Amino acid sequence: MKKFRVIFGYFTLILIAISMLYPFFVMVNLSFVRNDAIFSQAGNILYRGLTLDNYKNVFAQIPLSRYFLNSLIVASITTFGQVLFASLAGYAFARMKFKFRDSLFLITLITMLIPPQVNIIPLFFLMREMHLIDSYPALILPGLFGGLGIFMMRQYFLGFPKDLEEAACIDGCNLFQSFFKIALPLALPTVMTLALFTFVTTWNSFMWPLIVTNSDGMRTLPVGLAIFKGSFREITLWGELLACSVICTIPVIGVFLAGKKYFINDIMQGGVKE
């Protein structure tokens, strides 16, 4: 009976994996098929007449390289800033004692309950008053701070062994040295998880970049792809759209593959067990 449950469990996981991977497999393969042959080969497993024309055409029709670069710059800087500020704030809330600490943390948690759409109009007016519309700061600044990241890092540091910090203090480390040399490196699994969430969320962000960008030179990939789709009048170029979709997924997959080993590590690996 136990062996049957194990086999059934693996079989179920394989079916779930196939159901998730098959649409991605179809998207990648059809991106190499000519537009006039996409629907005739949509149900096939092996496709005939593969070509790179869809990728060549999309780079010729829209400034896709610029969109990609903008998304990469915005997502990378936002992820780095979010991780840095969330780690510092989380460490302060977990380890330091100061006036109104619990009240400030409660306010931080409350911000997680506010829908992001509510903040769009106030943020837009703020960016406009600062003369930052259609610029990188307008795309980056609102994403540098978030309650979820602070909460995640605080919860990690609350369980962080104090023995390591006390040993570092004996060796002459101050608060910042203990944080950057001891606490933060051991928090790498949590940091990578937060980094992945932030990168994917920023990379896929559509509404905010749509509102604060006006020129082709500042648009990100999701906005550029939507405008490209809206430019179709008589016929939809599915091949080019699929090619754009494949390009959009490459950085997210790369970030996940680069950081996946940290997700499966024990969150306290290398720490002192009390």
Foldseek 3Di string as FASTA:
>chain_A
DVVVVVVVVVVVVVVVVCVVVVVVLLLVQLLQPAQVCSVVCSPPPDDPDGHCVLVVVLVVPAVQVLQAVLLVVQLVVLLVLQLVVLLVLLLCLQPPDDPCSVVVLVVQVVVVVDDPVVCQVVLLVVCVVVVNFAHSCSLHVVSNYHSVSNVLNNVLNNPADCVQVVVVVVVPDDPVCCSVVPVVVLQVLSSLVSSLVSSVCSLQDDPSLVSRHDDSNNHHLVPRLVVVQVVDDPDGRSSNSSVSVVVSCVVSVVSCVVNVVSNPDDSRVPGDDD
